[in-house]
PDB file of N, CA and C in Angstrom:
ATOM      1  N   MET A   1      34.664 -99.833 -52.837  1.00  0.00           N
ATOM      2  CA  MET A   1      33.312-100.333 -52.675  1.00  0.00           C
ATOM      3  C   MET A   1      32.874-100.269 -51.217  1.00  0.00           C
ATOM      4  N   ALA A   2      33.784-100.453 -50.286  1.00  0.00           N
ATOM      5  CA  ALA A   2      33.422-100.409 -48.868  1.00  0.00           C
ATOM      6  C   ALA A   2      32.895 -99.027 -48.495  1.00  0.00           C
ATOM      7  N   GLU A   3      33.444 -97.965 -49.112  1.00  0.00           N
ATOM      8  CA  GLU A   3      32.972 -96.609 -48.820  1.00  0.00           C
ATOM      9  C   GLU A   3      31.520 -96.443 -49.261  1.00  0.00           C
ATOM     10  N   LYS A   4      31.171 -96.972 -50.431  1.00  0.00           N
ATOM     11  CA  LYS A   4      29.793 -96.909 -50.915  1.00  0.00           C
ATOM     12  C   LYS A   4      28.878 -97.710 -49.994  1.00  0.00           C
ATOM     13  N   ASP A   5      29.319 -98.864 -49.530  1.00  0.00           N
ATOM     14  CA  ASP A   5      28.513 -99.675 -48.619  1.00  0.00           C
ATOM     15  C   ASP A   5      28.258 -98.924 -47.321  1.00  0.00           C
ATOM     16  N   LEU A   6      29.271 -98.222 -46.818  1.00  0.00           N
ATOM     17  CA  LEU A   6      29.115 -97.462 -45.591  1.00  0.00           C
ATOM     18  C   LEU A   6      28.095 -96.343 -45.798  1.00  0.00           C
ATOM     19  N   LEU A   7      28.161 -95.654 -46.930  1.00  0.00           N
ATOM     20  CA  LEU A   7      27.199 -94.607 -47.225  1.00  0.00           C
ATOM     21  C   LEU A   7      25.804 -95.211 -47.335  1.00  0.00           C
ATOM     22  N   GLY A   8      25.689 -96.363 -47.967  1.00  0.00           N
ATOM     23  CA  GLY A   8      24.404 -97.056 -48.061  1.00  0.00           C
ATOM     24  C   GLY A   8      23.848 -97.372 -46.691  1.00  0.00           C
ATOM     25  N   ASP A   9      24.706 -97.781 -45.766  1.00  0.00           N
ATOM     26  CA  ASP A   9      24.268 -98.055 -44.397  1.00  0.00           C
ATOM     27  C   ASP A   9      23.763 -96.782 -43.732  1.00  0.00           C
ATOM     28  N   LYS A  10      24.404 -95.662 -43.996  1.00  0.00           N
ATOM     29  CA  LYS A  10      23.980 -94.394 -43.410  1.00  0.00           C
ATOM     30  C   LYS A  10      22.630 -93.965 -43.982  1.00  0.00           C
ATOM     31  N   TRP A  11      22.432 -94.161 -45.284  1.00  0.00           N
ATOM     32  CA  TRP A  11      21.137 -93.862 -45.897  1.00  0.00           C
ATOM     33  C   TRP A  11      20.053 -94.693 -45.248  1.00  0.00           C
ATOM     34  N   LEU A  12      20.321 -95.988 -45.169  1.00  0.00           N
ATOM     35  CA  LEU A  12      19.336 -96.912 -44.613  1.00  0.00           C
ATOM     36  C   LEU A  12      19.011 -96.569 -43.159  1.00  0.00           C
ATOM     37  N   ALA A  13      20.020 -96.264 -42.383  1.00  0.00           N
ATOM     38  CA  ALA A  13      19.796 -95.915 -40.977  1.00  0.00           C
ATOM     39  C   ALA A  13      18.929 -94.663 -40.867  1.00  0.00           C
ATOM     40  N   PHE A  14      19.181 -93.669 -41.696  1.00  0.00           N
ATOM     41  CA  PHE A  14      18.404 -92.432 -41.637  1.00  0.00           C
ATOM     42  C   PHE A  14      16.975 -92.654 -42.113  1.00  0.00           C
ATOM     43  N   THR A  15      16.799 -93.299 -43.251  1.00  0.00           N
ATOM     44  CA  THR A  15      15.447 -93.493 -43.778  1.00  0.00           C
ATOM     45  C   THR A  15      14.634 -94.426 -42.891  1.00  0.00           C
ATOM     46  N   ASP A  16      15.266 -95.441 -42.335  1.00  0.00           N
ATOM     47  CA  ASP A  16      14.560 -96.312 -41.389  1.00  0.00           C
ATOM     48  C   ASP A  16      14.132 -95.532 -40.153  1.00  0.00           C
ATOM     49  N   HIS A  17      14.990 -94.647 -39.700  1.00  0.00           N
ATOM     50  CA  HIS A  17      14.662 -93.863 -38.509  1.00  0.00           C
ATOM     51  C   HIS A  17      13.521 -92.886 -38.792  1.00  0.00           C
ATOM     52  N   LEU A  18      13.460 -92.337 -39.996  1.00  0.00           N
ATOM     53  CA  LEU A  18      12.329 -91.493 -40.360  1.00  0.00           C
ATOM     54  C   LEU A  18      11.021 -92.274 -40.234  1.00  0.00           C
ATOM     55  N   SER A  19      11.017 -93.510 -40.715  1.00  0.00           N
ATOM     56  CA  SER A  19       9.821 -94.355 -40.620  1.00  0.00           C
ATOM     57  C   SER A  19       9.463 -94.639 -39.170  1.00  0.00           C
ATOM     58  N   TYR A  20      10.483 -94.902 -38.353  1.00  0.00           N
ATOM     59  CA  TYR A  20      10.269 -95.153 -36.932  1.00  0.00           C
ATOM     60  C   TYR A  20       9.625 -93.929 -36.272  1.00  0.00           C
ATOM     61  N   THR A  21      10.128 -92.746 -36.599  1.00  0.00           N
ATOM     62  CA  THR A  21       9.587 -91.517 -36.031  1.00  0.00           C
ATOM     63  C   THR A  21       8.137 -91.327 -36.452  1.00  0.00           C
ATOM     64  N   LEU A  22       7.826 -91.607 -37.705  1.00  0.00           N
ATOM     65  CA  LEU A  22       6.441 -91.503 -38.166  1.00  0.00           C
ATOM     66  C   LEU A  22       5.512 -92.399 -37.351  1.00  0.00           C
ATOM     67  N   MET A  23       5.961 -93.591 -37.032  1.00  0.00           N
ATOM     68  CA  MET A  23       5.124 -94.535 -36.291  1.00  0.00           C
ATOM     69  C   MET A  23       4.979 -94.164 -34.823  1.00  0.00           C
ATOM     70  N   CYS A  24       6.000 -93.596 -34.222  1.00  0.00           N
ATOM     71  CA  CYS A  24       6.037 -93.447 -32.766  1.00  0.00           C
ATOM     72  C   CYS A  24       5.824 -92.037 -32.234  1.00  0.00           C
ATOM     73  N   ALA A  25       6.271 -91.033 -32.950  1.00  0.00           N
ATOM     74  CA  ALA A  25       6.225 -89.665 -32.400  1.00  0.00           C
ATOM     75  C   ALA A  25       4.788 -89.164 -32.327  1.00  0.00           C
ATOM     76  N   PRO A  26       4.452 -88.375 -31.376  1.00  0.00           N
ATOM     77  CA  PRO A  26       5.297 -87.857 -30.318  1.00  0.00           C
ATOM     78  C   PRO A  26       5.291 -88.676 -29.035  1.00  0.00           C
ATOM     79  N   ASP A  27       4.364 -89.620 -28.894  1.00  0.00           N
ATOM     80  CA  ASP A  27       4.253 -90.268 -27.577  1.00  0.00           C
ATOM     81  C   ASP A  27       3.885 -91.743 -27.611  1.00  0.00           C
ATOM     82  N   LYS A  28       4.196 -92.425 -28.684  1.00  0.00           N
ATOM     83  CA  LYS A  28       3.863 -93.849 -28.790  1.00  0.00           C
ATOM     84  C   LYS A  28       5.113 -94.724 -28.878  1.00  0.00           C
ATOM     85  N   TYR A  29       6.138 -94.357 -28.134  1.00  0.00           N
ATOM     86  CA  TYR A  29       7.401 -95.078 -28.176  1.00  0.00           C
ATOM     87  C   TYR A  29       7.301 -96.355 -27.354  1.00  0.00           C
ATOM     88  N   PRO A  30       7.944 -97.420 -27.839  1.00  0.00           N
ATOM     89  CA  PRO A  30       7.949 -98.661 -27.064  1.00  0.00           C
ATOM     90  C   PRO A  30       8.762 -98.483 -25.781  1.00  0.00           C
ATOM     91  N   SER A  31       8.593 -99.383 -24.873  1.00  0.00           N
ATOM     92  CA  SER A  31       9.297 -99.257 -23.586  1.00  0.00           C
ATOM     93  C   SER A  31      10.778 -99.601 -23.701  1.00  0.00           C
ATOM     94  N   GLU A  32      11.188-100.177 -24.800  1.00  0.00           N
ATOM     95  CA  GLU A  32      12.597-100.531 -25.022  1.00  0.00           C
ATOM     96  C   GLU A  32      13.203 -99.573 -26.050  1.00  0.00           C
ATOM     97  N   GLY A  33      14.471 -99.313 -25.915  1.00  0.00           N
ATOM     98  CA  GLY A  33      15.159 -98.464 -26.894  1.00  0.00           C
ATOM     99  C   GLY A  33      14.816 -97.006 -26.724  1.00  0.00           C
ATOM    100  N   ILE A  34      14.498 -96.335 -27.828  1.00  0.00           N
ATOM    101  CA  ILE A  34      14.143 -94.922 -27.798  1.00  0.00           C
ATOM    102  C   ILE A  34      12.782 -94.804 -27.129  1.00  0.00           C
ATOM    103  N   THR A  35      12.709 -94.003 -26.089  1.00  0.00           N
ATOM    104  CA  THR A  35      11.480 -93.975 -25.300  1.00  0.00           C
ATOM    105  C   THR A  35      10.776 -92.630 -25.260  1.00  0.00           C
ATOM    106  N   ASP A  36      11.363 -91.584 -25.857  1.00  0.00           N
ATOM    107  CA  ASP A  36      10.663 -90.298 -25.859  1.00  0.00           C
ATOM    108  C   ASP A  36      11.059 -89.472 -27.080  1.00  0.00           C
ATOM    109  N   LEU A  37      10.301 -88.435 -27.309  1.00  0.00           N
ATOM    110  CA  LEU A  37      10.476 -87.584 -28.481  1.00  0.00           C
ATOM    111  C   LEU A  37      11.869 -86.963 -28.549  1.00  0.00           C
ATOM    112  N   GLU A  38      12.343 -86.438 -27.440  1.00  0.00           N
ATOM    113  CA  GLU A  38      13.654 -85.774 -27.442  1.00  0.00           C
ATOM    114  C   GLU A  38      14.766 -86.757 -27.807  1.00  0.00           C
ATOM    115  N   HIS A  39      14.738 -87.931 -27.213  1.00  0.00           N
ATOM    116  CA  HIS A  39      15.741 -88.966 -27.510  1.00  0.00           C
ATOM    117  C   HIS A  39      15.649 -89.381 -28.976  1.00  0.00           C
ATOM    118  N   ASP A  40      14.434 -89.511 -29.480  1.00  0.00           N
ATOM    119  CA  ASP A  40      14.224 -89.886 -30.868  1.00  0.00           C
ATOM    120  C   ASP A  40      14.883 -88.876 -31.804  1.00  0.00           C
ATOM    121  N   PHE A  41      14.646 -87.601 -31.573  1.00  0.00           N
ATOM    122  CA  PHE A  41      15.189 -86.594 -32.471  1.00  0.00           C
ATOM    123  C   PHE A  41      16.693 -86.411 -32.305  1.00  0.00           C
ATOM    124  N   VAL A  42      17.226 -86.661 -31.134  1.00  0.00           N
ATOM    125  CA  VAL A  42      18.689 -86.644 -30.973  1.00  0.00           C
ATOM    126  C   VAL A  42      19.288 -87.729 -31.856  1.00  0.00           C
ATOM    127  N   ARG A  43      18.709 -88.910 -31.814  1.00  0.00           N
ATOM    128  CA  ARG A  43      19.208 -90.026 -32.647  1.00  0.00           C
ATOM    129  C   ARG A  43      19.001 -89.745 -34.138  1.00  0.00           C
ATOM    130  N   LEU A  44      17.827 -89.198 -34.482  1.00  0.00           N
ATOM    131  CA  LEU A  44      17.552 -88.878 -35.875  1.00  0.00           C
ATOM    132  C   LEU A  44      18.539 -87.838 -36.400  1.00  0.00           C
ATOM    133  N   GLN A  45      18.812 -86.813 -35.609  1.00  0.00           N
ATOM    134  CA  GLN A  45      19.788 -85.793 -35.997  1.00  0.00           C
ATOM    135  C   GLN A  45      21.190 -86.391 -36.145  1.00  0.00           C
ATOM    136  N   ALA A  46      21.539 -87.316 -35.272  1.00  0.00           N
ATOM    137  CA  ALA A  46      22.859 -87.965 -35.364  1.00  0.00           C
ATOM    138  C   ALA A  46      22.967 -88.766 -36.658  1.00  0.00           C
ATOM    139  N   ARG A  47      21.919 -89.467 -37.004  1.00  0.00           N
ATOM    140  CA  ARG A  47      21.931 -90.236 -38.256  1.00  0.00           C
ATOM    141  C   ARG A  47      22.012 -89.292 -39.460  1.00  0.00           C
ATOM    142  N   TRP A  48      21.298 -88.176 -39.395  1.00  0.00           N
ATOM    143  CA  TRP A  48      21.357 -87.198 -40.480  1.00  0.00           C
ATOM    144  C   TRP A  48      22.754 -86.602 -40.582  1.00  0.00           C
ATOM    145  N   SER A  49      23.350 -86.255 -39.463  1.00  0.00           N
ATOM    146  CA  SER A  49      24.704 -85.675 -39.470  1.00  0.00           C
ATOM    147  C   SER A  49      25.702 -86.636 -40.103  1.00  0.00           C
ATOM    148  N   ALA A  50      25.575 -87.918 -39.804  1.00  0.00           N
ATOM    149  CA  ALA A  50      26.476 -88.914 -40.388  1.00  0.00           C
ATOM    150  C   ALA A  50      26.289 -89.004 -41.901  1.00  0.00           C
ATOM    151  N   LEU A  51      25.054 -88.921 -42.358  1.00  0.00           N
ATOM    152  CA  LEU A  51      24.761 -89.014 -43.785  1.00  0.00           C
ATOM    153  C   LEU A  51      25.176 -87.742 -44.519  1.00  0.00           C
ATOM    154  N   LYS A  52      24.810 -86.585 -43.999  1.00  0.00           N
ATOM    155  CA  LYS A  52      25.084 -85.341 -44.731  1.00  0.00           C
ATOM    156  C   LYS A  52      26.574 -85.084 -44.895  1.00  0.00           C
ATOM    157  N   GLY A  53      27.373 -85.573 -43.977  1.00  0.00           N
ATOM    158  CA  GLY A  53      28.809 -85.405 -44.085  1.00  0.00           C
ATOM    159  C   GLY A  53      29.424 -86.165 -45.245  1.00  0.00           C
ATOM    160  N   GLU A  54      28.679 -87.122 -45.781  1.00  0.00           N
ATOM    161  CA  GLU A  54      29.163 -87.928 -46.906  1.00  0.00           C
ATOM    162  C   GLU A  54      28.667 -87.430 -48.256  1.00  0.00           C
ATOM    163  N   LEU A  55      27.729 -86.492 -48.260  1.00  0.00           N
ATOM    164  CA  LEU A  55      27.146 -86.034 -49.514  1.00  0.00           C
ATOM    165  C   LEU A  55      28.145 -85.229 -50.330  1.00  0.00           C
ATOM    166  N   LYS A  56      28.149 -85.490 -51.602  1.00  0.00           N
ATOM    167  CA  LYS A  56      29.047 -84.778 -52.510  1.00  0.00           C
ATOM    168  C   LYS A  56      28.257 -83.925 -53.508  1.00  0.00           C
ATOM    169  N   ARG A  57      27.095 -84.397 -53.941  1.00  0.00           N
ATOM    170  CA  ARG A  57      26.340 -83.696 -54.977  1.00  0.00           C
ATOM    171  C   ARG A  57      25.096 -82.985 -54.456  1.00  0.00           C
ATOM    172  N   ASP A  58      24.306 -83.610 -53.666  1.00  0.00           N
ATOM    173  CA  ASP A  58      23.011 -83.059 -53.259  1.00  0.00           C
ATOM    174  C   ASP A  58      23.105 -82.162 -52.029  1.00  0.00           C
ATOM    175  N   VAL A  59      24.180 -81.420 -51.932  1.00  0.00           N
ATOM    176  CA  VAL A  59      24.404 -80.584 -50.752  1.00  0.00           C
ATOM    177  C   VAL A  59      23.361 -79.469 -50.627  1.00  0.00           C
ATOM    178  N   ASP A  60      22.693 -79.102 -51.722  1.00  0.00           N
ATOM    179  CA  ASP A  60      21.655 -78.074 -51.664  1.00  0.00           C
ATOM    180  C   ASP A  60      20.442 -78.528 -50.843  1.00  0.00           C
ATOM    181  N   LYS A  61      20.291 -79.831 -50.654  1.00  0.00           N
ATOM    182  CA  LYS A  61      19.164 -80.352 -49.875  1.00  0.00           C
ATOM    183  C   LYS A  61      19.453 -80.380 -48.375  1.00  0.00           C
ATOM    184  N   ILE A  62      20.699 -80.201 -48.000  1.00  0.00           N
ATOM    185  CA  ILE A  62      21.064 -80.266 -46.579  1.00  0.00           C
ATOM    186  C   ILE A  62      20.293 -79.243 -45.746  1.00  0.00           C
ATOM    187  N   PRO A  63      20.313 -77.947 -46.078  1.00  0.00           N
ATOM    188  CA  PRO A  63      19.586 -76.999 -45.223  1.00  0.00           C
ATOM    189  C   PRO A  63      18.073 -77.207 -45.249  1.00  0.00           C
ATOM    190  N   VAL A  64      17.544 -77.698 -46.349  1.00  0.00           N
ATOM    191  CA  VAL A  64      16.104 -77.949 -46.448  1.00  0.00           C
ATOM    192  C   VAL A  64      15.709 -79.072 -45.491  1.00  0.00           C
ATOM    193  N   ILE A  65      16.450 -80.158 -45.516  1.00  0.00           N
ATOM    194  CA  ILE A  65      16.157 -81.286 -44.629  1.00  0.00           C
ATOM    195  C   ILE A  65      16.347 -80.877 -43.175  1.00  0.00           C
ATOM    196  N   GLU A  66      17.379 -80.123 -42.894  1.00  0.00           N
ATOM    197  CA  GLU A  66      17.604 -79.672 -41.509  1.00  0.00           C
ATOM    198  C   GLU A  66      16.453 -78.797 -41.017  1.00  0.00           C
ATOM    199  N   GLN A  67      15.953 -77.930 -41.871  1.00  0.00           N
ATOM    200  CA  GLN A  67      14.819 -77.081 -41.492  1.00  0.00           C
ATOM    201  C   GLN A  67      13.561 -77.924 -41.267  1.00  0.00           C
ATOM    202  N   LEU A  68      13.327 -78.894 -42.129  1.00  0.00           N
ATOM    203  CA  LEU A  68      12.164 -79.760 -41.967  1.00  0.00           C
ATOM    204  C   LEU A  68      12.251 -80.576 -40.678  1.00  0.00           C
ATOM    205  N   LEU A  69      13.447 -81.064 -40.348  1.00  0.00           N
ATOM    206  CA  LEU A  69      13.620 -81.800 -39.087  1.00  0.00           C
ATOM    207  C   LEU A  69      13.317 -80.894 -37.891  1.00  0.00           C
ATOM    208  N   HIS A  70      13.828 -79.672 -37.945  1.00  0.00           N
ATOM    209  CA  HIS A  70      13.585 -78.712 -36.864  1.00  0.00           C
ATOM    210  C   HIS A  70      12.086 -78.423 -36.721  1.00  0.00           C
ATOM    211  N   GLU A  71      11.425 -78.159 -37.832  1.00  0.00           N
ATOM    212  CA  GLU A  71       9.998 -77.845 -37.804  1.00  0.00           C
ATOM    213  C   GLU A  71       9.174 -79.040 -37.331  1.00  0.00           C
ATOM    214  N   ALA A  72       9.574 -80.247 -37.730  1.00  0.00           N
ATOM    215  CA  ALA A  72       8.856 -81.447 -37.291  1.00  0.00           C
ATOM    216  C   ALA A  72       8.961 -81.607 -35.783  1.00  0.00           C
ATOM    217  N   LEU A  73      10.149 -81.435 -35.249  1.00  0.00           N
ATOM    218  CA  LEU A  73      10.328 -81.549 -33.805  1.00  0.00           C
ATOM    219  C   LEU A  73       9.472 -80.513 -33.079  1.00  0.00           C
ATOM    220  N   GLU A  74       9.475 -79.287 -33.560  1.00  0.00           N
ATOM    221  CA  GLU A  74       8.673 -78.240 -32.925  1.00  0.00           C
ATOM    222  C   GLU A  74       7.181 -78.559 -33.000  1.00  0.00           C
ATOM    223  N   ALA A  75       6.740 -79.089 -34.124  1.00  0.00           N
ATOM    224  CA  ALA A  75       5.327 -79.461 -34.257  1.00  0.00           C
ATOM    225  C   ALA A  75       4.966 -80.561 -33.263  1.00  0.00           C
ATOM    226  N   TYR A  76       5.806 -81.575 -33.183  1.00  0.00           N
ATOM    227  CA  TYR A  76       5.550 -82.659 -32.231  1.00  0.00           C
ATOM    228  C   TYR A  76       5.564 -82.142 -30.796  1.00  0.00           C
ATOM    229  N   ARG A  77       6.507 -81.290 -30.479  1.00  0.00           N
ATOM    230  CA  ARG A  77       6.564 -80.713 -29.124  1.00  0.00           C
ATOM    231  C   ARG A  77       5.280 -79.956 -28.792  1.00  0.00           C
ATOM    232  N   ALA A  78       4.707 -79.309 -29.794  1.00  0.00           N
ATOM    233  CA  ALA A  78       3.478 -78.535 -29.600  1.00  0.00           C
ATOM    234  C   ALA A  78       2.235 -79.432 -29.593  1.00  0.00           C
ATOM    235  N   GLY A  79       2.444 -80.730 -29.782  1.00  0.00           N
ATOM    236  CA  GLY A  79       1.317 -81.656 -29.785  1.00  0.00           C
ATOM    237  C   GLY A  79       0.610 -81.763 -31.124  1.00  0.00           C
ATOM    238  N   ASP A  80       1.218 -81.222 -32.171  1.00  0.00           N
ATOM    239  CA  ASP A  80       0.632 -81.241 -33.505  1.00  0.00           C
ATOM    240  C   ASP A  80       1.208 -82.415 -34.300  1.00  0.00           C
ATOM    241  N   ARG A  81       0.679 -83.583 -34.025  1.00  0.00           N
ATOM    242  CA  ARG A  81       1.185 -84.807 -34.666  1.00  0.00           C
ATOM    243  C   ARG A  81       1.000 -84.769 -36.183  1.00  0.00           C
ATOM    244  N   ARG A  82      -0.141 -84.259 -36.629  1.00  0.00           N
ATOM    245  CA  ARG A  82      -0.426 -84.228 -38.071  1.00  0.00           C
ATOM    246  C   ARG A  82       0.638 -83.429 -38.830  1.00  0.00           C
ATOM    247  N   THR A  83       0.982 -82.245 -38.330  1.00  0.00           N
ATOM    248  CA  THR A  83       2.000 -81.426 -38.992  1.00  0.00           C
ATOM    249  C   THR A  83       3.372 -82.091 -38.898  1.00  0.00           C
ATOM    250  N   GLY A  84       3.712 -82.629 -37.727  1.00  0.00           N
ATOM    251  CA  GLY A  84       4.984 -83.328 -37.572  1.00  0.00           C
ATOM    252  C   GLY A  84       5.133 -84.456 -38.577  1.00  0.00           C
ATOM    253  N   MET A  85       4.070 -85.235 -38.724  1.00  0.00           N
ATOM    254  CA  MET A  85       4.093 -86.342 -39.683  1.00  0.00           C
ATOM    255  C   MET A  85       4.233 -85.828 -41.113  1.00  0.00           C
ATOM    256  N   ALA A  86       3.525 -84.770 -41.442  1.00  0.00           N
ATOM    257  CA  ALA A  86       3.596 -84.213 -42.799  1.00  0.00           C
ATOM    258  C   ALA A  86       5.015 -83.742 -43.113  1.00  0.00           C
ATOM    259  N   LEU A  87       5.662 -83.146 -42.131  1.00  0.00           N
ATOM    260  CA  LEU A  87       7.032 -82.671 -42.344  1.00  0.00           C
ATOM    261  C   LEU A  87       8.003 -83.833 -42.518  1.00  0.00           C
ATOM    262  N   ILE A  88       7.846 -84.883 -41.726  1.00  0.00           N
ATOM    263  CA  ILE A  88       8.695 -86.077 -41.888  1.00  0.00           C
ATOM    264  C   ILE A  88       8.445 -86.703 -43.257  1.00  0.00           C
ATOM    265  N   ARG A  89       7.193 -86.743 -43.670  1.00  0.00           N
ATOM    266  CA  ARG A  89       6.888 -87.285 -45.005  1.00  0.00           C
ATOM    267  C   ARG A  89       7.497 -86.430 -46.109  1.00  0.00           C
ATOM    268  N   SER A  90       7.570 -85.125 -45.878  1.00  0.00           N
ATOM    269  CA  SER A  90       8.223 -84.244 -46.866  1.00  0.00           C
ATOM    270  C   SER A  90       9.689 -84.619 -47.040  1.00  0.00           C
ATOM    271  N   ILE A  91      10.328 -84.967 -45.934  1.00  0.00           N
ATOM    272  CA  ILE A  91      11.725 -85.417 -46.015  1.00  0.00           C
ATOM    273  C   ILE A  91      11.791 -86.725 -46.786  1.00  0.00           C
ATOM    274  N   GLU A  92      10.902 -87.645 -46.475  1.00  0.00           N
ATOM    275  CA  GLU A  92      10.886 -88.921 -47.196  1.00  0.00           C
ATOM    276  C   GLU A  92      10.652 -88.706 -48.688  1.00  0.00           C
ATOM    277  N   ASP A  93       9.781 -87.758 -49.031  1.00  0.00           N
ATOM    278  CA  ASP A  93       9.498 -87.472 -50.435  1.00  0.00           C
ATOM    279  C   ASP A  93      10.704 -86.915 -51.176  1.00  0.00           C
ATOM    280  N   MET A  94      11.658 -86.368 -50.426  1.00  0.00           N
ATOM    281  CA  MET A  94      12.893 -85.872 -51.038  1.00  0.00           C
ATOM    282  C   MET A  94      13.835 -87.019 -51.375  1.00  0.00           C
ATOM    283  N   LYS A  95      13.433 -88.225 -51.036  1.00  0.00           N
ATOM    284  CA  LYS A  95      14.192 -89.446 -51.323  1.00  0.00           C
ATOM    285  C   LYS A  95      15.606 -89.395 -50.748  1.00  0.00           C
ATOM    286  N   PRO A  96      15.721 -89.258 -49.417  1.00  0.00           N
ATOM    287  CA  PRO A  96      17.074 -89.179 -48.833  1.00  0.00           C
ATOM    288  C   PRO A  96      17.909 -90.424 -49.105  1.00  0.00           C
ATOM    289  N   ALA A  97      17.272 -91.556 -49.395  1.00  0.00           N
ATOM    290  CA  ALA A  97      18.038 -92.756 -49.708  1.00  0.00           C
ATOM    291  C   ALA A  97      18.730 -92.646 -51.062  1.00  0.00           C
ATOM    292  N   LYS A  98      18.319 -91.672 -51.870  1.00  0.00           N
ATOM    293  CA  LYS A  98      18.926 -91.491 -53.191  1.00  0.00           C
ATOM    294  C   LYS A  98      19.951 -90.362 -53.222  1.00  0.00           C
ATOM    295  N   LEU A  99      20.115 -89.657 -52.108  1.00  0.00           N
ATOM    296  CA  LEU A  99      21.077 -88.556 -52.087  1.00  0.00           C
ATOM    297  C   LEU A  99      22.484 -89.068 -52.347  1.00  0.00           C
ATOM    298  N   ARG A 100      23.269 -88.248 -52.978  1.00  0.00           N
ATOM    299  CA  ARG A 100      24.665 -88.632 -53.316  1.00  0.00           C
ATOM    300  C   ARG A 100      25.615 -87.578 -52.826  1.00  0.00           C
TER     301      ARG A 100
END
């Protein structure tokens, strides 16, 4: 059961971070904690890496989510907040909290 709880924590950390990115990216970060887009995506990628390493069944979604994360970062870097947000929402719509 502890292994499932740990995976649940990884899901929660990733999905919570997606929400945080939606609220803050590309330039509305609070002065405490994560303070810029690059730092945000480094942390988001780290949370994703921790989660994807635990997946047993939904491994077909791994490259899709990775591509969406990459495209979102590029959109935000280009100043296209609307596209960045849409891409993050696409990841959320894939229900990463339900991945197994």
